[in-house]
């Protein structure tokens, strides 16, 4: 919907892997909790997290944690092994500089 940001843990035709190494269901929930709860996405340390800051933080966490992980970090979703999961962001007319968390 307009005025919202959508963060998705994979493309619509790719199943999202389970984050075994975090003893959790999925990577995206954990990464957002860290980004907002621990203020890790507040790149300029001004007490606000913009859409761009959150997106960049999540992309980087996916790149370093999901894409570079080993098979033991995941619960296999099929007999084909690891999938090609990555973060998908839809901003729906929100400026990258719009503050979404304070």
PDB file of N, CA and C in Angstrom:
ATOM      1  N   UNK A   1       0.840  -1.184   0.000  1.00  0.00           N
ATOM      2  CA  UNK A   1       0.000   0.000   0.000  1.00  0.00           C
ATOM      3  C   UNK A   1       0.882   1.243   0.000  1.00  0.00           C
ATOM      4  N   UNK A   2       0.439   2.324  -0.620  1.00  0.00           N
ATOM      5  CA  UNK A   2       1.228   3.560  -0.614  1.00  0.00           C
ATOM      6  C   UNK A   2       1.515   4.035   0.809  1.00  0.00           C
ATOM      7  N   UNK A   3       2.703   4.579   1.007  1.00  0.00           N
ATOM      8  CA  UNK A   3       3.079   5.092   2.319  1.00  0.00           C
ATOM      9  C   UNK A   3       3.622   4.039   3.270  1.00  0.00           C
ATOM     10  N   UNK A   4       3.902   2.860   2.759  1.00  0.00           N
ATOM     11  CA  UNK A   4       4.431   1.779   3.599  1.00  0.00           C
ATOM     12  C   UNK A   4       5.697   1.208   2.980  1.00  0.00           C
ATOM     13  N   UNK A   5       6.475   0.559   3.820  1.00  0.00           N
ATOM     14  CA  UNK A   5       7.666  -0.140   3.351  1.00  0.00           C
ATOM     15  C   UNK A   5       7.440  -1.624   3.586  1.00  0.00           C
ATOM     16  N   UNK A   6       7.738  -2.428   2.588  1.00  0.00           N
ATOM     17  CA  UNK A   6       7.631  -3.876   2.722  1.00  0.00           C
ATOM     18  C   UNK A   6       9.002  -4.518   2.674  1.00  0.00           C
ATOM     19  N   UNK A   7       9.340  -5.292   3.674  1.00  0.00           N
ATOM     20  CA  UNK A   7      10.586  -6.058   3.699  1.00  0.00           C
ATOM     21  C   UNK A   7      10.214  -7.530   3.618  1.00  0.00           C
ATOM     22  N   UNK A   8      10.787  -8.215   2.661  1.00  0.00           N
ATOM     23  CA  UNK A   8      10.461  -9.617   2.426  1.00  0.00           C
ATOM     24  C   UNK A   8      11.747 -10.435   2.449  1.00  0.00           C
ATOM     25  N   UNK A   9      11.675 -11.618   3.029  1.00  0.00           N
ATOM     26  CA  UNK A   9      12.875 -12.424   3.217  1.00  0.00           C
ATOM     27  C   UNK A   9      13.313 -13.177   1.972  1.00  0.00           C
ATOM     28  N   UNK A  10      12.538 -13.105   0.912  1.00  0.00           N
ATOM     29  CA  UNK A  10      12.927 -13.746  -0.345  1.00  0.00           C
ATOM     30  C   UNK A  10      11.963 -13.335  -1.445  1.00  0.00           C
ATOM     31  N   UNK A  11      12.324 -13.669  -2.669  1.00  0.00           N
ATOM     32  CA  UNK A  11      11.414 -13.477  -3.796  1.00  0.00           C
ATOM     33  C   UNK A  11      10.210 -14.387  -3.593  1.00  0.00           C
ATOM     34  N   UNK A  12       9.132 -14.116  -4.312  1.00  0.00           N
ATOM     35  CA  UNK A  12       7.899 -14.872  -4.102  1.00  0.00           C
ATOM     36  C   UNK A  12       8.020 -16.356  -4.471  1.00  0.00           C
ATOM     37  N   UNK A  13       8.965 -16.719  -5.312  1.00  0.00           N
ATOM     38  CA  UNK A  13       9.099 -18.121  -5.713  1.00  0.00           C
ATOM     39  C   UNK A  13      10.260 -18.841  -5.020  1.00  0.00           C
ATOM     40  N   UNK A  14      10.799 -18.236  -3.961  1.00  0.00           N
ATOM     41  CA  UNK A  14      11.895 -18.835  -3.200  1.00  0.00           C
ATOM     42  C   UNK A  14      11.464 -18.959  -1.746  1.00  0.00           C
ATOM     43  N   UNK A  15      11.585 -20.168  -1.194  1.00  0.00           N
ATOM     44  CA  UNK A  15      11.271 -20.346   0.217  1.00  0.00           C
ATOM     45  C   UNK A  15      12.378 -19.740   1.066  1.00  0.00           C
ATOM     46  N   UNK A  16      12.001 -19.132   2.156  1.00  0.00           N
ATOM     47  CA  UNK A  16      12.977 -18.537   3.067  1.00  0.00           C
ATOM     48  C   UNK A  16      13.560 -19.603   3.981  1.00  0.00           C
ATOM     49  N   UNK A  17      14.862 -19.543   4.157  1.00  0.00           N
ATOM     50  CA  UNK A  17      15.542 -20.515   5.014  1.00  0.00           C
ATOM     51  C   UNK A  17      15.278 -20.215   6.485  1.00  0.00           C
ATOM     52  N   UNK A  18      15.358 -21.237   7.305  1.00  0.00           N
ATOM     53  CA  UNK A  18      15.221 -21.099   8.744  1.00  0.00           C
ATOM     54  C   UNK A  18      16.599 -20.784   9.317  1.00  0.00           C
ATOM     55  N   UNK A  19      16.635 -19.843  10.250  1.00  0.00           N
ATOM     56  CA  UNK A  19      17.902 -19.375  10.821  1.00  0.00           C
ATOM     57  C   UNK A  19      18.336 -20.257  11.982  1.00  0.00           C
ATOM     58  N   UNK A  20      18.827 -21.420  11.676  1.00  0.00           N
ATOM     59  CA  UNK A  20      19.244 -22.371  12.712  1.00  0.00           C
ATOM     60  C   UNK A  20      20.279 -21.761  13.648  1.00  0.00           C
ATOM     61  N   UNK A  21      21.220 -21.004  13.103  1.00  0.00           N
ATOM     62  CA  UNK A  21      22.299 -20.490  13.958  1.00  0.00           C
ATOM     63  C   UNK A  21      21.808 -19.493  15.000  1.00  0.00           C
ATOM     64  N   UNK A  22      20.611 -18.916  14.807  1.00  0.00           N
ATOM     65  CA  UNK A  22      20.044 -18.002  15.798  1.00  0.00           C
ATOM     66  C   UNK A  22      19.007 -18.697  16.670  1.00  0.00           C
ATOM     67  N   UNK A  23      18.791 -19.987  16.441  1.00  0.00           N
ATOM     68  CA  UNK A  23      17.741 -20.730  17.135  1.00  0.00           C
ATOM     69  C   UNK A  23      16.410 -20.009  16.988  1.00  0.00           C
ATOM     70  N   UNK A  24      16.154 -19.556  15.765  1.00  0.00           N
ATOM     71  CA  UNK A  24      14.957 -18.755  15.491  1.00  0.00           C
ATOM     72  C   UNK A  24      14.309 -19.226  14.197  1.00  0.00           C
ATOM     73  N   UNK A  25      13.137 -18.667  13.920  1.00  0.00           N
ATOM     74  CA  UNK A  25      12.420 -19.021  12.706  1.00  0.00           C
ATOM     75  C   UNK A  25      13.057 -18.478  11.452  1.00  0.00           C
ATOM     76  N   UNK A  26      13.260 -17.172  11.396  1.00  0.00           N
ATOM     77  CA  UNK A  26      13.768 -16.589  10.171  1.00  0.00           C
ATOM     78  C   UNK A  26      14.795 -15.509  10.409  1.00  0.00           C
ATOM     79  N   UNK A  27      15.549 -15.231   9.359  1.00  0.00           N
ATOM     80  CA  UNK A  27      16.591 -14.217   9.441  1.00  0.00           C
ATOM     81  C   UNK A  27      16.018 -12.809   9.532  1.00  0.00           C
ATOM     82  N   UNK A  28      14.991 -12.510   8.725  1.00  0.00           N
ATOM     83  CA  UNK A  28      14.490 -11.142   8.649  1.00  0.00           C
ATOM     84  C   UNK A  28      14.008 -10.619   9.996  1.00  0.00           C
ATOM     85  N   UNK A  29      13.249 -11.403  10.729  1.00  0.00           N
ATOM     86  CA  UNK A  29      12.755 -10.958  12.042  1.00  0.00           C
ATOM     87  C   UNK A  29      13.913 -10.649  12.982  1.00  0.00           C
ATOM     88  N   UNK A  30      14.912 -11.500  12.983  1.00  0.00           N
ATOM     89  CA  UNK A  30      16.076 -11.291  13.844  1.00  0.00           C
ATOM     90  C   UNK A  30      16.836 -10.032  13.446  1.00  0.00           C
ATOM     91  N   UNK A  31      17.042  -9.848  12.148  1.00  0.00           N
ATOM     92  CA  UNK A  31      17.801  -8.699  11.670  1.00  0.00           C
ATOM     93  C   UNK A  31      17.068  -7.381  11.939  1.00  0.00           C
ATOM     94  N   UNK A  32      15.745  -7.363  11.784  1.00  0.00           N
ATOM     95  CA  UNK A  32      14.982  -6.147  12.082  1.00  0.00           C
ATOM     96  C   UNK A  32      15.023  -5.858  13.577  1.00  0.00           C
ATOM     97  N   UNK A  33      14.898  -6.881  14.398  1.00  0.00           N
ATOM     98  CA  UNK A  33      14.973  -6.682  15.850  1.00  0.00           C
ATOM     99  C   UNK A  33      16.316  -6.076  16.241  1.00  0.00           C
ATOM    100  N   UNK A  34      17.397  -6.556  15.658  1.00  0.00           N
ATOM    101  CA  UNK A  34      18.721  -5.992  15.933  1.00  0.00           C
ATOM    102  C   UNK A  34      18.831  -4.565  15.407  1.00  0.00           C
ATOM    103  N   UNK A  35      18.340  -4.346  14.200  1.00  0.00           N
ATOM    104  CA  UNK A  35      18.443  -3.027  13.561  1.00  0.00           C
ATOM    105  C   UNK A  35      17.732  -1.949  14.357  1.00  0.00           C
ATOM    106  N   UNK A  36      16.533  -2.270  14.815  1.00  0.00           N
ATOM    107  CA  UNK A  36      15.714  -1.273  15.520  1.00  0.00           C
ATOM    108  C   UNK A  36      15.937  -1.341  17.035  1.00  0.00           C
ATOM    109  N   UNK A  37      15.854  -2.526  17.588  1.00  0.00           N
ATOM    110  CA  UNK A  37      15.982  -2.684  19.039  1.00  0.00           C
ATOM    111  C   UNK A  37      17.347  -2.321  19.583  1.00  0.00           C
ATOM    112  N   UNK A  38      18.379  -2.638  18.829  1.00  0.00           N
ATOM    113  CA  UNK A  38      19.746  -2.327  19.249  1.00  0.00           C
ATOM    114  C   UNK A  38      20.283  -1.068  18.573  1.00  0.00           C
ATOM    115  N   UNK A  39      19.455  -0.415  17.784  1.00  0.00           N
ATOM    116  CA  UNK A  39      19.816   0.820  17.059  1.00  0.00           C
ATOM    117  C   UNK A  39      21.001   0.625  16.111  1.00  0.00           C
ATOM    118  N   UNK A  40      21.181  -0.601  15.611  1.00  0.00           N
ATOM    119  CA  UNK A  40      22.313  -0.888  14.737  1.00  0.00           C
ATOM    120  C   UNK A  40      22.158  -0.275  13.344  1.00  0.00           C
ATOM    121  N   UNK A  41      20.934   0.042  12.956  1.00  0.00           N
ATOM    122  CA  UNK A  41      20.710   0.632  11.633  1.00  0.00           C
ATOM    123  C   UNK A  41      20.867   2.153  11.634  1.00  0.00           C
ATOM    124  N   UNK A  42      20.987   2.759  12.788  1.00  0.00           N
ATOM    125  CA  UNK A  42      21.110   4.221  12.891  1.00  0.00           C
ATOM    126  C   UNK A  42      22.542   4.624  12.541  1.00  0.00           C
ATOM    127  N   UNK A  43      22.822   4.651  11.262  1.00  0.00           N
ATOM    128  CA  UNK A  43      24.184   4.868  10.761  1.00  0.00           C
ATOM    129  C   UNK A  43      24.787   6.193  11.203  1.00  0.00           C
ATOM    130  N   UNK A  44      23.981   7.253  11.249  1.00  0.00           N
ATOM    131  CA  UNK A  44      24.519   8.569  11.615  1.00  0.00           C
ATOM    132  C   UNK A  44      24.336   8.888  13.105  1.00  0.00           C
ATOM    133  N   UNK A  45      23.839   7.922  13.872  1.00  0.00           N
ATOM    134  CA  UNK A  45      23.678   8.067  15.329  1.00  0.00           C
ATOM    135  C   UNK A  45      22.888   9.299  15.748  1.00  0.00           C
ATOM    136  N   UNK A  46      21.817   9.605  15.000  1.00  0.00           N
ATOM    137  CA  UNK A  46      20.991  10.760  15.342  1.00  0.00           C
ATOM    138  C   UNK A  46      19.705  10.370  16.074  1.00  0.00           C
ATOM    139  N   UNK A  47      19.551   9.093  16.416  1.00  0.00           N
ATOM    140  CA  UNK A  47      18.361   8.641  17.130  1.00  0.00           C
ATOM    141  C   UNK A  47      17.183   8.320  16.227  1.00  0.00           C
ATOM    142  N   UNK A  48      17.365   8.408  14.912  1.00  0.00           N
ATOM    143  CA  UNK A  48      16.309   8.118  13.950  1.00  0.00           C
ATOM    144  C   UNK A  48      16.824   7.115  12.922  1.00  0.00           C
ATOM    145  N   UNK A  49      15.925   6.244  12.473  1.00  0.00           N
ATOM    146  CA  UNK A  49      16.282   5.279  11.428  1.00  0.00           C
ATOM    147  C   UNK A  49      15.431   5.570  10.208  1.00  0.00           C
ATOM    148  N   UNK A  50      16.098   5.909   9.130  1.00  0.00           N
ATOM    149  CA  UNK A  50      15.389   6.187   7.874  1.00  0.00           C
ATOM    150  C   UNK A  50      15.161   4.887   7.114  1.00  0.00           C
ATOM    151  N   UNK A  51      14.311   4.972   6.121  1.00  0.00           N
ATOM    152  CA  UNK A  51      14.065   3.830   5.254  1.00  0.00           C
ATOM    153  C   UNK A  51      15.357   3.351   4.612  1.00  0.00           C
ATOM    154  N   UNK A  52      16.190   4.273   4.183  1.00  0.00           N
ATOM    155  CA  UNK A  52      17.466   3.930   3.567  1.00  0.00           C
ATOM    156  C   UNK A  52      18.418   3.261   4.567  1.00  0.00           C
ATOM    157  N   UNK A  53      18.520   3.805   5.774  1.00  0.00           N
ATOM    158  CA  UNK A  53      19.397   3.211   6.783  1.00  0.00           C
ATOM    159  C   UNK A  53      18.982   1.772   7.093  1.00  0.00           C
ATOM    160  N   UNK A  54      17.681   1.562   7.263  1.00  0.00           N
ATOM    161  CA  UNK A  54      17.206   0.221   7.573  1.00  0.00           C
ATOM    162  C   UNK A  54      17.451  -0.723   6.402  1.00  0.00           C
ATOM    163  N   UNK A  55      17.145  -0.274   5.196  1.00  0.00           N
ATOM    164  CA  UNK A  55      17.367  -1.106   4.010  1.00  0.00           C
ATOM    165  C   UNK A  55      18.828  -1.484   3.864  1.00  0.00           C
ATOM    166  N   UNK A  56      19.707  -0.515   4.006  1.00  0.00           N
ATOM    167  CA  UNK A  56      21.138  -0.778   3.846  1.00  0.00           C
ATOM    168  C   UNK A  56      21.648  -1.729   4.922  1.00  0.00           C
ATOM    169  N   UNK A  57      21.196  -1.535   6.156  1.00  0.00           N
ATOM    170  CA  UNK A  57      21.600  -2.429   7.243  1.00  0.00           C
ATOM    171  C   UNK A  57      21.152  -3.870   6.945  1.00  0.00           C
ATOM    172  N   UNK A  58      19.882  -4.013   6.537  1.00  0.00           N
ATOM    173  CA  UNK A  58      19.356  -5.351   6.272  1.00  0.00           C
ATOM    174  C   UNK A  58      20.055  -6.014   5.089  1.00  0.00           C
ATOM    175  N   UNK A  59      20.299  -5.247   4.029  1.00  0.00           N
ATOM    176  CA  UNK A  59      21.027  -5.797   2.883  1.00  0.00           C
ATOM    177  C   UNK A  59      22.398  -6.306   3.306  1.00  0.00           C
ATOM    178  N   UNK A  60      23.096  -5.522   4.102  1.00  0.00           N
ATOM    179  CA  UNK A  60      24.435  -5.912   4.531  1.00  0.00           C
ATOM    180  C   UNK A  60      24.390  -7.142   5.434  1.00  0.00           C
ATOM    181  N   UNK A  61      23.423  -7.203   6.341  1.00  0.00           N
ATOM    182  CA  UNK A  61      23.295  -8.382   7.209  1.00  0.00           C
ATOM    183  C   UNK A  61      22.996  -9.627   6.387  1.00  0.00           C
ATOM    184  N   UNK A  62      22.122  -9.505   5.392  1.00  0.00           N
ATOM    185  CA  UNK A  62      21.850 -10.649   4.525  1.00  0.00           C
ATOM    186  C   UNK A  62      23.109 -11.065   3.771  1.00  0.00           C
ATOM    187  N   UNK A  63      23.829 -10.099   3.253  1.00  0.00           N
ATOM    188  CA  UNK A  63      25.032 -10.406   2.477  1.00  0.00           C
ATOM    189  C   UNK A  63      26.058 -11.151   3.323  1.00  0.00           C
ATOM    190  N   UNK A  64      26.257 -10.696   4.546  1.00  0.00           N
ATOM    191  CA  UNK A  64      27.294 -11.303   5.379  1.00  0.00           C
ATOM    192  C   UNK A  64      26.805 -12.532   6.142  1.00  0.00           C
ATOM    193  N   UNK A  65      25.540 -12.595   6.495  1.00  0.00           N
ATOM    194  CA  UNK A  65      25.054 -13.698   7.326  1.00  0.00           C
ATOM    195  C   UNK A  65      24.379 -14.815   6.550  1.00  0.00           C
ATOM    196  N   UNK A  66      23.614 -14.471   5.541  1.00  0.00           N
ATOM    197  CA  UNK A  66      22.851 -15.487   4.823  1.00  0.00           C
ATOM    198  C   UNK A  66      23.628 -15.994   3.617  1.00  0.00           C
ATOM    199  N   UNK A  67      24.098 -15.102   2.800  1.00  0.00           N
ATOM    200  CA  UNK A  67      24.775 -15.508   1.562  1.00  0.00           C
ATOM    201  C   UNK A  67      26.129 -16.156   1.817  1.00  0.00           C
ATOM    202  N   UNK A  68      26.794 -15.810   2.904  1.00  0.00           N
ATOM    203  CA  UNK A  68      28.117 -16.377   3.161  1.00  0.00           C
ATOM    204  C   UNK A  68      28.087 -17.511   4.176  1.00  0.00           C
ATOM    205  N   UNK A  69      26.906 -17.943   4.587  1.00  0.00           N
ATOM    206  CA  UNK A  69      26.798 -18.997   5.589  1.00  0.00           C
ATOM    207  C   UNK A  69      27.087 -20.375   5.029  1.00  0.00           C
ATOM    208  N   UNK A  70      27.242 -21.307   5.919  1.00  0.00           N
ATOM    209  CA  UNK A  70      27.469 -22.694   5.515  1.00  0.00           C
ATOM    210  C   UNK A  70      26.166 -23.478   5.653  1.00  0.00           C
ATOM    211  N   UNK A  71      26.146 -24.680   5.099  1.00  0.00           N
ATOM    212  CA  UNK A  71      24.927 -25.491   5.148  1.00  0.00           C
ATOM    213  C   UNK A  71      24.476 -25.792   6.579  1.00  0.00           C
ATOM    214  N   UNK A  72      25.401 -25.831   7.519  1.00  0.00           N
ATOM    215  CA  UNK A  72      25.023 -26.120   8.906  1.00  0.00           C
ATOM    216  C   UNK A  72      24.275 -24.972   9.565  1.00  0.00           C
ATOM    217  N   UNK A  73      24.274 -23.774   8.931  1.00  0.00           N
ATOM    218  CA  UNK A  73      23.563 -22.619   9.472  1.00  0.00           C
ATOM    219  C   UNK A  73      22.084 -22.616   9.114  1.00  0.00           C
ATOM    220  N   UNK A  74      21.661 -23.524   8.232  1.00  0.00           N
ATOM    221  CA  UNK A  74      20.311 -23.500   7.694  1.00  0.00           C
ATOM    222  C   UNK A  74      19.609 -24.825   7.925  1.00  0.00           C
ATOM    223  N   UNK A  75      18.294 -24.777   7.852  1.00  0.00           N
ATOM    224  CA  UNK A  75      17.515 -25.996   7.758  1.00  0.00           C
ATOM    225  C   UNK A  75      17.180 -26.126   6.284  1.00  0.00           C
ATOM    226  N   UNK A  76      17.613 -27.208   5.666  1.00  0.00           N
ATOM    227  CA  UNK A  76      17.415 -27.382   4.227  1.00  0.00           C
ATOM    228  C   UNK A  76      15.930 -27.421   3.902  1.00  0.00           C
ATOM    229  N   UNK A  77      15.554 -26.718   2.859  1.00  0.00           N
ATOM    230  CA  UNK A  77      14.160 -26.649   2.460  1.00  0.00           C
ATOM    231  C   UNK A  77      13.810 -27.677   1.400  1.00  0.00           C
ATOM    232  N   UNK A  78      14.814 -28.256   0.792  1.00  0.00           N
ATOM    233  CA  UNK A  78      14.567 -29.255  -0.240  1.00  0.00           C
ATOM    234  C   UNK A  78      15.817 -30.111  -0.407  1.00  0.00           C
ATOM    235  N   UNK A  79      15.721 -31.093  -1.258  1.00  0.00           N
ATOM    236  CA  UNK A  79      16.880 -31.951  -1.508  1.00  0.00           C
ATOM    237  C   UNK A  79      17.917 -31.262  -2.390  1.00  0.00           C
ATOM    238  N   UNK A  80      17.631 -30.062  -2.839  1.00  0.00           N
ATOM    239  CA  UNK A  80      18.558 -29.312  -3.691  1.00  0.00           C
ATOM    240  C   UNK A  80      19.523 -28.471  -2.869  1.00  0.00           C
ATOM    241  N   UNK A  81      19.436 -28.522  -1.544  1.00  0.00           N
ATOM    242  CA  UNK A  81      20.363 -27.781  -0.694  1.00  0.00           C
ATOM    243  C   UNK A  81      19.922 -26.354  -0.467  1.00  0.00           C
ATOM    244  N   UNK A  82      20.890 -25.446  -0.377  1.00  0.00           N
ATOM    245  CA  UNK A  82      20.601 -24.045  -0.077  1.00  0.00           C
ATOM    246  C   UNK A  82      19.854 -23.368  -1.215  1.00  0.00           C
ATOM    247  N   UNK A  83      19.001 -22.447  -0.856  1.00  0.00           N
ATOM    248  CA  UNK A  83      18.307 -21.662  -1.866  1.00  0.00           C
ATOM    249  C   UNK A  83      19.076 -20.374  -2.108  1.00  0.00           C
ATOM    250  N   UNK A  84      18.555 -19.538  -2.932  1.00  0.00           N
ATOM    251  CA  UNK A  84      19.204 -18.266  -3.237  1.00  0.00           C
ATOM    252  C   UNK A  84      18.393 -17.120  -2.658  1.00  0.00           C
ATOM    253  N   UNK A  85      18.169 -17.195  -1.389  1.00  0.00           N
ATOM    254  CA  UNK A  85      17.392 -16.216  -0.654  1.00  0.00           C
ATOM    255  C   UNK A  85      18.148 -14.900  -0.563  1.00  0.00           C
ATOM    256  N   UNK A  86      17.406 -13.799  -0.677  1.00  0.00           N
ATOM    257  CA  UNK A  86      17.971 -12.472  -0.448  1.00  0.00           C
ATOM    258  C   UNK A  86      16.856 -11.527  -0.054  1.00  0.00           C
ATOM    259  N   UNK A  87      17.223 -10.412   0.507  1.00  0.00           N
ATOM    260  CA  UNK A  87      16.258  -9.431   0.964  1.00  0.00           C
ATOM    261  C   UNK A  87      15.595  -8.724  -0.210  1.00  0.00           C
ATOM    262  N   UNK A  88      14.280  -8.535  -0.115  1.00  0.00           N
ATOM    263  CA  UNK A  88      13.523  -7.780  -1.107  1.00  0.00           C
ATOM    264  C   UNK A  88      12.866  -6.618  -0.371  1.00  0.00           C
ATOM    265  N   UNK A  89      13.044  -5.394  -0.890  1.00  0.00           N
ATOM    266  CA  UNK A  89      12.469  -4.195  -0.275  1.00  0.00           C
ATOM    267  C   UNK A  89      11.593  -3.489  -1.294  1.00  0.00           C
ATOM    268  N   UNK A  90      10.347  -3.180  -0.903  1.00  0.00           N
ATOM    269  CA  UNK A  90       9.443  -2.355  -1.705  1.00  0.00           C
ATOM    270  C   UNK A  90       9.078  -1.144  -0.875  1.00  0.00           C
ATOM    271  N   UNK A  91       9.419   0.041  -1.382  1.00  0.00           N
ATOM    272  CA  UNK A  91       9.196   1.262  -0.593  1.00  0.00           C
ATOM    273  C   UNK A  91       7.833   1.904  -0.822  1.00  0.00           C
ATOM    274  N   UNK A  92       7.136   1.633  -1.865  1.00  0.00           N
ATOM    275  CA  UNK A  92       5.790   2.161  -2.095  1.00  0.00           C
ATOM    276  C   UNK A  92       5.691   3.671  -1.875  1.00  0.00           C
ATOM    277  N   UNK A  93       6.490   4.419  -2.593  1.00  0.00           N
ATOM    278  CA  UNK A  93       6.447   5.888  -2.605  1.00  0.00           C
ATOM    279  C   UNK A  93       6.968   6.537  -1.330  1.00  0.00           C
ATOM    280  N   UNK A  94       7.714   5.811  -0.525  1.00  0.00           N
ATOM    281  CA  UNK A  94       8.355   6.407   0.651  1.00  0.00           C
ATOM    282  C   UNK A  94       9.753   6.827   0.252  1.00  0.00           C
ATOM    283  N   UNK A  95      10.105   8.017   0.629  1.00  0.00           N
ATOM    284  CA  UNK A  95      11.454   8.519   0.354  1.00  0.00           C
ATOM    285  C   UNK A  95      12.479   7.691   1.115  1.00  0.00           C
ATOM    286  N   UNK A  96      13.649   7.478   0.525  1.00  0.00           N
ATOM    287  CA  UNK A  96      14.690   6.750   1.250  1.00  0.00           C
ATOM    288  C   UNK A  96      15.096   7.464   2.545  1.00  0.00           C
ATOM    289  N   UNK A  97      14.864   8.758   2.609  1.00  0.00           N
ATOM    290  CA  UNK A  97      15.287   9.555   3.769  1.00  0.00           C
ATOM    291  C   UNK A  97      14.171   9.773   4.778  1.00  0.00           C
ATOM    292  N   UNK A  98      13.016   9.149   4.550  1.00  0.00           N
ATOM    293  CA  UNK A  98      11.913   9.279   5.494  1.00  0.00           C
ATOM    294  C   UNK A  98      12.222   8.480   6.758  1.00  0.00           C
ATOM    295  N   UNK A  99      12.031   9.110   7.902  1.00  0.00           N
ATOM    296  CA  UNK A  99      12.273   8.460   9.189  1.00  0.00           C
ATOM    297  C   UNK A  99      11.141   7.474   9.443  1.00  0.00           C
ATOM    298  N   UNK A 100      11.508   6.226   9.712  1.00  0.00           N
ATOM    299  CA  UNK A 100      10.472   5.228   9.992  1.00  0.00           C
ATOM    300  C   UNK A 100      10.535   4.694  11.425  1.00  0.00           C
ATOM    301  N   UNK A 101      11.640   4.972  12.137  1.00  0.00           N
ATOM    302  CA  UNK A 101      11.752   4.619  13.562  1.00  0.00           C
ATOM    303  C   UNK A 101      12.490   5.732  14.292  1.00  0.00           C
ATOM    304  N   UNK A 102      12.022   6.054  15.490  1.00  0.00           N
ATOM    305  CA  UNK A 102      12.705   7.031  16.354  1.00  0.00           C
ATOM    306  C   UNK A 102      13.036   6.373  17.662  1.00  0.00           C
TER     307      UNK A 102
END
